[in-house]
Amino acid sequence: LLLEKNFPFKEGILFFLFSNQIKKKQQEVVGFLEANKIDFQQMDIAGDEDNRKWMRENVPGEKKPQNGIPLPPQIFNEERYCGDFESFFSAKEENIIYSFLGLAPPPGTK
């Protein structure tokens, strides 16, 4: 699903898609969100300059790589930056993924 260009964002988790070189990371994020029934929108940055610009502008400076261009997937909860794939993976491994995503955990989880 592509998020419409009109802002403000629909409620839910957002993350950005790019080329095939990061497809495995994207699939892991999507698979987790779908398996846990977390609503999300995917934003295509390969074919949409507005989405690419928004992502680059909304990743905090301290989270950008040295070249200044963050690579997807980048994860947001509406307009709040959650993190990149490595942060997502760490939060999942530490069982704090709902906190990472800025969501209330389902009963019986963290």
PDB file of N, CA and C in Angstrom:
ATOM      1  N   LEU A   1       0.836  -1.180   0.000  1.00  0.00           N
ATOM      2  CA  LEU A   1       0.000   0.000   0.000  1.00  0.00           C
ATOM      3  C   LEU A   1       0.877   1.237   0.000  1.00  0.00           C
ATOM      4  N   LEU A   2       0.483   2.226  -0.740  1.00  0.00           N
ATOM      5  CA  LEU A   2       1.218   3.479  -0.753  1.00  0.00           C
ATOM      6  C   LEU A   2       0.432   4.528   0.003  1.00  0.00           C
ATOM      7  N   LEU A   3       1.123   5.243   0.838  1.00  0.00           N
ATOM      8  CA  LEU A   3       0.475   6.324   1.559  1.00  0.00           C
ATOM      9  C   LEU A   3       0.209   7.451   0.586  1.00  0.00           C
ATOM     10  N   GLU A   4      -0.972   8.020   0.642  1.00  0.00           N
ATOM     11  CA  GLU A   4      -1.292   9.120  -0.250  1.00  0.00           C
ATOM     12  C   GLU A   4      -0.375  10.290   0.015  1.00  0.00           C
ATOM     13  N   LYS A   5      -0.155  11.109  -0.984  1.00  0.00           N
ATOM     14  CA  LYS A   5       0.729  12.260  -0.847  1.00  0.00           C
ATOM     15  C   LYS A   5       0.144  13.324   0.068  1.00  0.00           C
ATOM     16  N   ASN A   6      -1.159  13.283   0.280  1.00  0.00           N
ATOM     17  CA  ASN A   6      -1.787  14.292   1.127  1.00  0.00           C
ATOM     18  C   ASN A   6      -1.405  14.051   2.575  1.00  0.00           C
ATOM     19  N   PHE A   7      -1.032  15.095   3.269  1.00  0.00           N
ATOM     20  CA  PHE A   7      -0.692  14.996   4.682  1.00  0.00           C
ATOM     21  C   PHE A   7      -1.799  15.686   5.459  1.00  0.00           C
ATOM     22  N   PRO A   8      -2.089  15.459   6.698  1.00  0.00           N
ATOM     23  CA  PRO A   8      -1.297  14.642   7.613  1.00  0.00           C
ATOM     24  C   PRO A   8      -1.466  13.157   7.334  1.00  0.00           C
ATOM     25  N   PHE A   9      -0.577  12.377   7.923  1.00  0.00           N
ATOM     26  CA  PHE A   9      -0.584  10.941   7.709  1.00  0.00           C
ATOM     27  C   PHE A   9      -1.786  10.283   8.333  1.00  0.00           C
ATOM     28  N   LYS A  10      -2.147   9.167   7.736  1.00  0.00           N
ATOM     29  CA  LYS A  10      -3.140   8.303   8.366  1.00  0.00           C
ATOM     30  C   LYS A  10      -2.478   7.702   9.598  1.00  0.00           C
ATOM     31  N   GLU A  11      -3.287   7.343  10.583  1.00  0.00           N
ATOM     32  CA  GLU A  11      -2.713   6.750  11.781  1.00  0.00           C
ATOM     33  C   GLU A  11      -2.073   5.413  11.447  1.00  0.00           C
ATOM     34  N   GLY A  12      -1.021   5.092  12.154  1.00  0.00           N
ATOM     35  CA  GLY A  12      -0.389   3.797  11.999  1.00  0.00           C
ATOM     36  C   GLY A  12       1.099   3.911  11.775  1.00  0.00           C
ATOM     37  N   ILE A  13       1.714   2.785  11.576  1.00  0.00           N
ATOM     38  CA  ILE A  13       3.150   2.691  11.387  1.00  0.00           C
ATOM     39  C   ILE A  13       3.464   2.925   9.912  1.00  0.00           C
ATOM     40  N   LEU A  14       4.501   3.697   9.665  1.00  0.00           N
ATOM     41  CA  LEU A  14       4.947   3.968   8.297  1.00  0.00           C
ATOM     42  C   LEU A  14       6.366   3.451   8.137  1.00  0.00           C
ATOM     43  N   PHE A  15       6.674   2.957   6.994  1.00  0.00           N
ATOM     44  CA  PHE A  15       8.060   2.744   6.671  1.00  0.00           C
ATOM     45  C   PHE A  15       8.222   2.844   5.164  1.00  0.00           C
ATOM     46  N   PHE A  16       9.451   2.974   4.745  1.00  0.00           N
ATOM     47  CA  PHE A  16       9.734   3.343   3.377  1.00  0.00           C
ATOM     48  C   PHE A  16      10.390   2.209   2.607  1.00  0.00           C
ATOM     49  N   LEU A  17      10.001   2.092   1.358  1.00  0.00           N
ATOM     50  CA  LEU A  17      10.526   1.045   0.488  1.00  0.00           C
ATOM     51  C   LEU A  17      11.534   1.611  -0.497  1.00  0.00           C
ATOM     52  N   PHE A  18      12.469   0.810  -0.915  1.00  0.00           N
ATOM     53  CA  PHE A  18      13.455   1.211  -1.910  1.00  0.00           C
ATOM     54  C   PHE A  18      13.752   0.025  -2.812  1.00  0.00           C
ATOM     55  N   SER A  19      14.915  -0.063  -3.364  1.00  0.00           N
ATOM     56  CA  SER A  19      15.246  -1.074  -4.360  1.00  0.00           C
ATOM     57  C   SER A  19      15.373  -2.482  -3.783  1.00  0.00           C
ATOM     58  N   ASN A  20      15.628  -3.448  -4.660  1.00  0.00           N
ATOM     59  CA  ASN A  20      15.717  -4.856  -4.286  1.00  0.00           C
ATOM     60  C   ASN A  20      16.858  -5.167  -3.326  1.00  0.00           C
ATOM     61  N   GLN A  21      17.877  -4.328  -3.273  1.00  0.00           N
ATOM     62  CA  GLN A  21      19.029  -4.622  -2.419  1.00  0.00           C
ATOM     63  C   GLN A  21      18.670  -4.661  -0.936  1.00  0.00           C
ATOM     64  N   ILE A  22      17.568  -4.072  -0.553  1.00  0.00           N
ATOM     65  CA  ILE A  22      17.155  -4.113   0.854  1.00  0.00           C
ATOM     66  C   ILE A  22      15.824  -4.834   1.029  1.00  0.00           C
ATOM     67  N   LYS A  23      15.435  -5.565   0.019  1.00  0.00           N
ATOM     68  CA  LYS A  23      14.144  -6.258   0.038  1.00  0.00           C
ATOM     69  C   LYS A  23      14.017  -7.219   1.222  1.00  0.00           C
ATOM     70  N   LYS A  24      15.071  -7.920   1.581  1.00  0.00           N
ATOM     71  CA  LYS A  24      15.006  -8.864   2.690  1.00  0.00           C
ATOM     72  C   LYS A  24      14.664  -8.146   3.992  1.00  0.00           C
ATOM     73  N   LYS A  25      15.278  -7.000   4.233  1.00  0.00           N
ATOM     74  CA  LYS A  25      14.985  -6.230   5.443  1.00  0.00           C
ATOM     75  C   LYS A  25      13.535  -5.753   5.427  1.00  0.00           C
ATOM     76  N   GLN A  26      13.090  -5.285   4.273  1.00  0.00           N
ATOM     77  CA  GLN A  26      11.704  -4.832   4.145  1.00  0.00           C
ATOM     78  C   GLN A  26      10.749  -5.967   4.454  1.00  0.00           C
ATOM     79  N   GLN A  27      11.042  -7.141   3.889  1.00  0.00           N
ATOM     80  CA  GLN A  27      10.171  -8.295   4.086  1.00  0.00           C
ATOM     81  C   GLN A  27      10.111  -8.701   5.553  1.00  0.00           C
ATOM     82  N   GLU A  28      11.228  -8.580   6.254  1.00  0.00           N
ATOM     83  CA  GLU A  28      11.226  -8.915   7.679  1.00  0.00           C
ATOM     84  C   GLU A  28      10.337  -7.950   8.465  1.00  0.00           C
ATOM     85  N   VAL A  29      10.434  -6.654   8.156  1.00  0.00           N
ATOM     86  CA  VAL A  29       9.595  -5.662   8.839  1.00  0.00           C
ATOM     87  C   VAL A  29       8.123  -5.916   8.510  1.00  0.00           C
ATOM     88  N   VAL A  30       7.811  -6.062   7.233  1.00  0.00           N
ATOM     89  CA  VAL A  30       6.424  -6.301   6.811  1.00  0.00           C
ATOM     90  C   VAL A  30       5.891  -7.580   7.443  1.00  0.00           C
ATOM     91  N   GLY A  31       6.671  -8.635   7.398  1.00  0.00           N
ATOM     92  CA  GLY A  31       6.243  -9.913   7.966  1.00  0.00           C
ATOM     93  C   GLY A  31       5.918  -9.795   9.438  1.00  0.00           C
ATOM     94  N   PHE A  32       6.758  -9.085  10.182  1.00  0.00           N
ATOM     95  CA  PHE A  32       6.503  -8.906  11.611  1.00  0.00           C
ATOM     96  C   PHE A  32       5.227  -8.102  11.830  1.00  0.00           C
ATOM     97  N   LEU A  33       5.079  -6.994  11.120  1.00  0.00           N
ATOM     98  CA  LEU A  33       3.894  -6.145  11.297  1.00  0.00           C
ATOM     99  C   LEU A  33       2.621  -6.896  10.937  1.00  0.00           C
ATOM    100  N   GLU A  34       2.648  -7.636   9.839  1.00  0.00           N
ATOM    101  CA  GLU A  34       1.472  -8.405   9.441  1.00  0.00           C
ATOM    102  C   GLU A  34       1.165  -9.511  10.446  1.00  0.00           C
ATOM    103  N   ALA A  35       2.181 -10.239  10.877  1.00  0.00           N
ATOM    104  CA  ALA A  35       1.979 -11.342  11.812  1.00  0.00           C
ATOM    105  C   ALA A  35       1.403 -10.861  13.136  1.00  0.00           C
ATOM    106  N   ASN A  36       1.739  -9.632  13.503  1.00  0.00           N
ATOM    107  CA  ASN A  36       1.270  -9.080  14.766  1.00  0.00           C
ATOM    108  C   ASN A  36       0.078  -8.141  14.586  1.00  0.00           C
ATOM    109  N   LYS A  37      -0.485  -8.164  13.374  1.00  0.00           N
ATOM    110  CA  LYS A  37      -1.694  -7.382  13.057  1.00  0.00           C
ATOM    111  C   LYS A  37      -1.545  -5.906  13.417  1.00  0.00           C
ATOM    112  N   ILE A  38      -0.375  -5.353  13.079  1.00  0.00           N
ATOM    113  CA  ILE A  38      -0.103  -3.936  13.305  1.00  0.00           C
ATOM    114  C   ILE A  38      -0.370  -3.211  11.998  1.00  0.00           C
ATOM    115  N   ASP A  39      -1.275  -2.240  12.032  1.00  0.00           N
ATOM    116  CA  ASP A  39      -1.585  -1.469  10.825  1.00  0.00           C
ATOM    117  C   ASP A  39      -0.371  -0.661  10.399  1.00  0.00           C
ATOM    118  N   PHE A  40      -0.108  -0.655   9.101  1.00  0.00           N
ATOM    119  CA  PHE A  40       1.026   0.112   8.586  1.00  0.00           C
ATOM    120  C   PHE A  40       0.772   0.523   7.145  1.00  0.00           C
ATOM    121  N   GLN A  41       1.522   1.475   6.703  1.00  0.00           N
ATOM    122  CA  GLN A  41       1.509   1.934   5.312  1.00  0.00           C
ATOM    123  C   GLN A  41       2.945   1.866   4.807  1.00  0.00           C
ATOM    124  N   GLN A  42       3.127   1.430   3.587  1.00  0.00           N
ATOM    125  CA  GLN A  42       4.439   1.443   2.959  1.00  0.00           C
ATOM    126  C   GLN A  42       4.512   2.646   2.049  1.00  0.00           C
ATOM    127  N   MET A  43       5.632   3.325   2.071  1.00  0.00           N
ATOM    128  CA  MET A  43       5.826   4.474   1.195  1.00  0.00           C
ATOM    129  C   MET A  43       6.960   4.159   0.234  1.00  0.00           C
ATOM    130  N   ASP A  44       6.661   4.220  -1.040  1.00  0.00           N
ATOM    131  CA  ASP A  44       7.643   3.925  -2.081  1.00  0.00           C
ATOM    132  C   ASP A  44       8.517   5.158  -2.289  1.00  0.00           C
ATOM    133  N   ILE A  45       9.823   5.025  -2.009  1.00  0.00           N
ATOM    134  CA  ILE A  45      10.711   6.162  -2.254  1.00  0.00           C
ATOM    135  C   ILE A  45      11.483   6.018  -3.559  1.00  0.00           C
ATOM    136  N   ALA A  46      11.430   4.826  -4.161  1.00  0.00           N
ATOM    137  CA  ALA A  46      12.132   4.635  -5.426  1.00  0.00           C
ATOM    138  C   ALA A  46      11.449   5.406  -6.546  1.00  0.00           C
ATOM    139  N   GLY A  47      10.132   5.438  -6.529  1.00  0.00           N
ATOM    140  CA  GLY A  47       9.406   6.068  -7.626  1.00  0.00           C
ATOM    141  C   GLY A  47       8.686   7.343  -7.255  1.00  0.00           C
ATOM    142  N   ASP A  48       8.894   7.829  -6.037  1.00  0.00           N
ATOM    143  CA  ASP A  48       8.169   9.024  -5.598  1.00  0.00           C
ATOM    144  C   ASP A  48       9.118   9.979  -4.890  1.00  0.00           C
ATOM    145  N   GLU A  49       9.494  11.039  -5.571  1.00  0.00           N
ATOM    146  CA  GLU A  49      10.447  12.007  -5.037  1.00  0.00           C
ATOM    147  C   GLU A  49       9.938  12.672  -3.767  1.00  0.00           C
ATOM    148  N   ASP A  50       8.636  12.942  -3.674  1.00  0.00           N
ATOM    149  CA  ASP A  50       8.084  13.571  -2.471  1.00  0.00           C
ATOM    150  C   ASP A  50       8.272  12.669  -1.253  1.00  0.00           C
ATOM    151  N   ASN A  51       8.019  11.369  -1.416  1.00  0.00           N
ATOM    152  CA  ASN A  51       8.218  10.431  -0.310  1.00  0.00           C
ATOM    153  C   ASN A  51       9.695  10.344   0.073  1.00  0.00           C
ATOM    154  N   ARG A  52      10.570  10.298  -0.917  1.00  0.00           N
ATOM    155  CA  ARG A  52      12.010  10.228  -0.659  1.00  0.00           C
ATOM    156  C   ARG A  52      12.465  11.470   0.109  1.00  0.00           C
ATOM    157  N   LYS A  53      12.013  12.622  -0.318  1.00  0.00           N
ATOM    158  CA  LYS A  53      12.383  13.878   0.337  1.00  0.00           C
ATOM    159  C   LYS A  53      11.865  13.899   1.770  1.00  0.00           C
ATOM    160  N   TRP A  54      10.603  13.478   1.969  1.00  0.00           N
ATOM    161  CA  TRP A  54      10.029  13.479   3.311  1.00  0.00           C
ATOM    162  C   TRP A  54      10.838  12.582   4.244  1.00  0.00           C
ATOM    163  N   MET A  55      11.169  11.375   3.770  1.00  0.00           N
ATOM    164  CA  MET A  55      11.939  10.455   4.598  1.00  0.00           C
ATOM    165  C   MET A  55      13.278  11.066   4.985  1.00  0.00           C
ATOM    166  N   ARG A  56      13.991  11.601   4.029  1.00  0.00           N
ATOM    167  CA  ARG A  56      15.317  12.170   4.294  1.00  0.00           C
ATOM    168  C   ARG A  56      15.241  13.342   5.260  1.00  0.00           C
ATOM    169  N   GLU A  57      14.206  14.139   5.140  1.00  0.00           N
ATOM    170  CA  GLU A  57      14.065  15.306   6.011  1.00  0.00           C
ATOM    171  C   GLU A  57      13.626  14.943   7.420  1.00  0.00           C
ATOM    172  N   ASN A  58      12.979  13.795   7.597  1.00  0.00           N
ATOM    173  CA  ASN A  58      12.402  13.451   8.890  1.00  0.00           C
ATOM    174  C   ASN A  58      13.183  12.417   9.689  1.00  0.00           C
ATOM    175  N   VAL A  59      14.270  11.908   9.138  1.00  0.00           N
ATOM    176  CA  VAL A  59      15.179  11.080   9.927  1.00  0.00           C
ATOM    177  C   VAL A  59      16.066  12.068  10.686  1.00  0.00           C
ATOM    178  N   PRO A  60      16.117  11.967  12.022  1.00  0.00           N
ATOM    179  CA  PRO A  60      16.919  12.917  12.802  1.00  0.00           C
ATOM    180  C   PRO A  60      18.389  12.915  12.375  1.00  0.00           C
ATOM    181  N   GLY A  61      19.004  14.071  12.444  1.00  0.00           N
ATOM    182  CA  GLY A  61      20.397  14.229  12.014  1.00  0.00           C
ATOM    183  C   GLY A  61      21.353  13.244  12.634  1.00  0.00           C
ATOM    184  N   GLU A  62      21.201  12.974  13.929  1.00  0.00           N
ATOM    185  CA  GLU A  62      22.115  12.050  14.605  1.00  0.00           C
ATOM    186  C   GLU A  62      21.914  10.610  14.158  1.00  0.00           C
ATOM    187  N   LYS A  63      20.815  10.320  13.475  1.00  0.00           N
ATOM    188  CA  LYS A  63      20.530   8.967  12.997  1.00  0.00           C
ATOM    189  C   LYS A  63      20.919   8.770  11.535  1.00  0.00           C
ATOM    190  N   LYS A  64      21.348   9.840  10.876  1.00  0.00           N
ATOM    191  CA  LYS A  64      21.730   9.740   9.465  1.00  0.00           C
ATOM    192  C   LYS A  64      23.168   9.248   9.346  1.00  0.00           C
ATOM    193  N   PRO A  65      23.465   8.477   8.302  1.00  0.00           N
ATOM    194  CA  PRO A  65      24.850   8.044   8.088  1.00  0.00           C
ATOM    195  C   PRO A  65      25.728   9.228   7.696  1.00  0.00           C
ATOM    196  N   GLN A  66      27.024   8.999   7.632  1.00  0.00           N
ATOM    197  CA  GLN A  66      27.960  10.086   7.323  1.00  0.00           C
ATOM    198  C   GLN A  66      27.638  10.798   6.022  1.00  0.00           C
ATOM    199  N   ASN A  67      27.154  10.069   5.021  1.00  0.00           N
ATOM    200  CA  ASN A  67      26.841  10.703   3.744  1.00  0.00           C
ATOM    201  C   ASN A  67      25.550  11.502   3.805  1.00  0.00           C
ATOM    202  N   GLY A  68      24.828  11.409   4.935  1.00  0.00           N
ATOM    203  CA  GLY A  68      23.612  12.194   5.123  1.00  0.00           C
ATOM    204  C   GLY A  68      22.361  11.617   4.500  1.00  0.00           C
ATOM    205  N   ILE A  69      22.485  10.484   3.830  1.00  0.00           N
ATOM    206  CA  ILE A  69      21.334   9.895   3.136  1.00  0.00           C
ATOM    207  C   ILE A  69      20.944   8.585   3.814  1.00  0.00           C
ATOM    208  N   PRO A  70      19.871   8.589   4.592  1.00  0.00           N
ATOM    209  CA  PRO A  70      19.442   7.354   5.253  1.00  0.00           C
ATOM    210  C   PRO A  70      18.846   6.372   4.257  1.00  0.00           C
ATOM    211  N   LEU A  71      19.194   5.110   4.421  1.00  0.00           N
ATOM    212  CA  LEU A  71      18.652   4.077   3.552  1.00  0.00           C
ATOM    213  C   LEU A  71      17.437   3.431   4.199  1.00  0.00           C
ATOM    214  N   PRO A  72      16.464   3.057   3.416  1.00  0.00           N
ATOM    215  CA  PRO A  72      15.301   2.361   3.952  1.00  0.00           C
ATOM    216  C   PRO A  72      15.670   0.922   4.319  1.00  0.00           C
ATOM    217  N   PRO A  73      14.867   0.256   5.113  1.00  0.00           N
ATOM    218  CA  PRO A  73      13.636   0.790   5.670  1.00  0.00           C
ATOM    219  C   PRO A  73      13.889   1.715   6.859  1.00  0.00           C
ATOM    220  N   GLN A  74      13.167   2.816   6.880  1.00  0.00           N
ATOM    221  CA  GLN A  74      13.116   3.745   8.010  1.00  0.00           C
ATOM    222  C   GLN A  74      11.693   3.660   8.537  1.00  0.00           C
ATOM    223  N   ILE A  75      11.542   3.590   9.835  1.00  0.00           N
ATOM    224  CA  ILE A  75      10.239   3.317  10.433  1.00  0.00           C
ATOM    225  C   ILE A  75       9.774   4.525  11.238  1.00  0.00           C
ATOM    226  N   PHE A  76       8.525   4.909  10.989  1.00  0.00           N
ATOM    227  CA  PHE A  76       7.900   6.033  11.678  1.00  0.00           C
ATOM    228  C   PHE A  76       6.550   5.587  12.227  1.00  0.00           C
ATOM    229  N   ASN A  77       6.138   6.161  13.333  1.00  0.00           N
ATOM    230  CA  ASN A  77       4.773   6.029  13.816  1.00  0.00           C
ATOM    231  C   ASN A  77       4.154   7.392  13.577  1.00  0.00           C
ATOM    232  N   GLU A  78       3.340   7.467  12.541  1.00  0.00           N
ATOM    233  CA  GLU A  78       2.847   8.731  11.998  1.00  0.00           C
ATOM    234  C   GLU A  78       4.079   9.570  11.680  1.00  0.00           C
ATOM    235  N   GLU A  79       4.259  10.715  12.324  1.00  0.00           N
ATOM    236  CA  GLU A  79       5.426  11.542  12.005  1.00  0.00           C
ATOM    237  C   GLU A  79       6.566  11.359  12.993  1.00  0.00           C
ATOM    238  N   ARG A  80       6.395  10.493  13.999  1.00  0.00           N
ATOM    239  CA  ARG A  80       7.446  10.260  14.992  1.00  0.00           C
ATOM    240  C   ARG A  80       8.412   9.202  14.469  1.00  0.00           C
ATOM    241  N   TYR A  81       9.693   9.554  14.423  1.00  0.00           N
ATOM    242  CA  TYR A  81      10.707   8.626  13.957  1.00  0.00           C
ATOM    243  C   TYR A  81      10.925   7.531  14.985  1.00  0.00           C
ATOM    244  N   CYS A  82      10.855   6.276  14.549  1.00  0.00           N
ATOM    245  CA  CYS A  82      11.114   5.137  15.435  1.00  0.00           C
ATOM    246  C   CYS A  82      12.559   4.661  15.274  1.00  0.00           C
ATOM    247  N   GLY A  83      12.995   4.473  14.022  1.00  0.00           N
ATOM    248  CA  GLY A  83      14.356   4.015  13.792  1.00  0.00           C
ATOM    249  C   GLY A  83      14.516   3.313  12.456  1.00  0.00           C
ATOM    250  N   ASP A  84      15.713   2.798  12.250  1.00  0.00           N
ATOM    251  CA  ASP A  84      16.036   2.076  11.017  1.00  0.00           C
ATOM    252  C   ASP A  84      15.901   0.575  11.251  1.00  0.00           C
ATOM    253  N   PHE A  85      16.315  -0.211  10.273  1.00  0.00           N
ATOM    254  CA  PHE A  85      16.158  -1.662  10.385  1.00  0.00           C
ATOM    255  C   PHE A  85      16.950  -2.225  11.556  1.00  0.00           C
ATOM    256  N   GLU A  86      18.178  -1.753  11.750  1.00  0.00           N
ATOM    257  CA  GLU A  86      19.005  -2.277  12.830  1.00  0.00           C
ATOM    258  C   GLU A  86      18.346  -2.011  14.183  1.00  0.00           C
ATOM    259  N   SER A  87      17.771  -0.827  14.354  1.00  0.00           N
ATOM    260  CA  SER A  87      17.061  -0.498  15.602  1.00  0.00           C
ATOM    261  C   SER A  87      15.827  -1.375  15.757  1.00  0.00           C
ATOM    262  N   PHE A  88      15.105  -1.589  14.668  1.00  0.00           N
ATOM    263  CA  PHE A  88      13.927  -2.465  14.668  1.00  0.00           C
ATOM    264  C   PHE A  88      14.328  -3.875  15.102  1.00  0.00           C
ATOM    265  N   PHE A  89      15.383  -4.393  14.481  1.00  0.00           N
ATOM    266  CA  PHE A  89      15.839  -5.744  14.773  1.00  0.00           C
ATOM    267  C   PHE A  89      16.246  -5.877  16.237  1.00  0.00           C
ATOM    268  N   SER A  90      16.996  -4.902  16.749  1.00  0.00           N
ATOM    269  CA  SER A  90      17.422  -4.930  18.152  1.00  0.00           C
ATOM    270  C   SER A  90      16.229  -4.899  19.094  1.00  0.00           C
ATOM    271  N   ALA A  91      15.262  -4.037  18.808  1.00  0.00           N
ATOM    272  CA  ALA A  91      14.068  -3.938  19.654  1.00  0.00           C
ATOM    273  C   ALA A  91      13.293  -5.251  19.643  1.00  0.00           C
ATOM    274  N   LYS A  92      13.241  -5.878  18.482  1.00  0.00           N
ATOM    275  CA  LYS A  92      12.548  -7.165  18.376  1.00  0.00           C
ATOM    276  C   LYS A  92      13.275  -8.228  19.197  1.00  0.00           C
ATOM    277  N   GLU A  93      14.590  -8.272  19.097  1.00  0.00           N
ATOM    278  CA  GLU A  93      15.394  -9.248  19.833  1.00  0.00           C
ATOM    279  C   GLU A  93      15.310  -9.020  21.338  1.00  0.00           C
ATOM    280  N   GLU A  94      15.212  -7.761  21.760  1.00  0.00           N
ATOM    281  CA  GLU A  94      15.150  -7.422  23.183  1.00  0.00           C
ATOM    282  C   GLU A  94      13.718  -7.476  23.721  1.00  0.00           C
ATOM    283  N   ASN A  95      12.781  -7.838  22.849  1.00  0.00           N
ATOM    284  CA  ASN A  95      11.371  -7.949  23.207  1.00  0.00           C
ATOM    285  C   ASN A  95      10.790  -6.617  23.703  1.00  0.00           C
ATOM    286  N   ILE A  96      11.224  -5.520  23.052  1.00  0.00           N
ATOM    287  CA  ILE A  96      10.689  -4.192  23.379  1.00  0.00           C
ATOM    288  C   ILE A  96      10.159  -3.515  22.114  1.00  0.00           C
ATOM    289  N   ILE A  97       9.705  -4.332  21.175  1.00  0.00           N
ATOM    290  CA  ILE A  97       9.306  -3.824  19.864  1.00  0.00           C
ATOM    291  C   ILE A  97       8.122  -2.856  19.941  1.00  0.00           C
ATOM    292  N   TYR A  98       7.173  -3.110  20.819  1.00  0.00           N
ATOM    293  CA  TYR A  98       6.019  -2.211  20.890  1.00  0.00           C
ATOM    294  C   TYR A  98       6.432  -0.837  21.413  1.00  0.00           C
ATOM    295  N   SER A  99       7.324  -0.826  22.370  1.00  0.00           N
ATOM    296  CA  SER A  99       7.862   0.442  22.860  1.00  0.00           C
ATOM    297  C   SER A  99       8.605   1.164  21.736  1.00  0.00           C
ATOM    298  N   PHE A 100       9.429   0.427  20.991  1.00  0.00           N
ATOM    299  CA  PHE A 100      10.158   0.987  19.851  1.00  0.00           C
ATOM    300  C   PHE A 100       9.200   1.626  18.849  1.00  0.00           C
ATOM    301  N   LEU A 101       8.097   0.952  18.586  1.00  0.00           N
ATOM    302  CA  LEU A 101       7.118   1.450  17.611  1.00  0.00           C
ATOM    303  C   LEU A 101       6.200   2.529  18.191  1.00  0.00           C
ATOM    304  N   GLY A 102       6.300   2.782  19.485  1.00  0.00           N
ATOM    305  CA  GLY A 102       5.443   3.782  20.112  1.00  0.00           C
ATOM    306  C   GLY A 102       4.009   3.324  20.235  1.00  0.00           C
ATOM    307  N   LEU A 103       3.828   2.013  20.426  1.00  0.00           N
ATOM    308  CA  LEU A 103       2.506   1.421  20.526  1.00  0.00           C
ATOM    309  C   LEU A 103       2.295   0.788  21.895  1.00  0.00           C
ATOM    310  N   ALA A 104       1.060   0.747  22.329  1.00  0.00           N
ATOM    311  CA  ALA A 104       0.738  -0.004  23.536  1.00  0.00           C
ATOM    312  C   ALA A 104       0.835  -1.483  23.207  1.00  0.00           C
ATOM    313  N   PRO A 105       1.522  -2.242  24.037  1.00  0.00           N
ATOM    314  CA  PRO A 105       1.633  -3.677  23.753  1.00  0.00           C
ATOM    315  C   PRO A 105       0.321  -4.397  23.984  1.00  0.00           C
ATOM    316  N   PRO A 106       0.065  -5.455  23.206  1.00  0.00           N
ATOM    317  CA  PRO A 106      -1.114  -6.280  23.469  1.00  0.00           C
ATOM    318  C   PRO A 106      -0.980  -6.920  24.845  1.00  0.00           C
ATOM    319  N   PRO A 107      -2.081  -7.285  25.464  1.00  0.00           N
ATOM    320  CA  PRO A 107      -2.010  -7.933  26.779  1.00  0.00           C
ATOM    321  C   PRO A 107      -1.066  -9.132  26.757  1.00  0.00           C
ATOM    322  N   GLY A 108      -0.223  -9.225  27.765  1.00  0.00           N
ATOM    323  CA  GLY A 108       0.701 -10.347  27.887  1.00  0.00           C
ATOM    324  C   GLY A 108       2.008 -10.169  27.159  1.00  0.00           C
ATOM    325  N   THR A 109       2.257  -9.001  26.548  1.00  0.00           N
ATOM    326  CA  THR A 109       3.519  -8.739  25.866  1.00  0.00           C
ATOM    327  C   THR A 109       4.134  -7.474  26.428  1.00  0.00           C
ATOM    328  N   LYS A 110       5.397  -7.192  25.987  1.00  0.00           N
ATOM    329  CA  LYS A 110       6.094  -5.982  26.439  1.00  0.00           C
ATOM    330  C   LYS A 110       6.067  -4.931  25.361  1.00  0.00           C
TER     331      LYS A 110
END
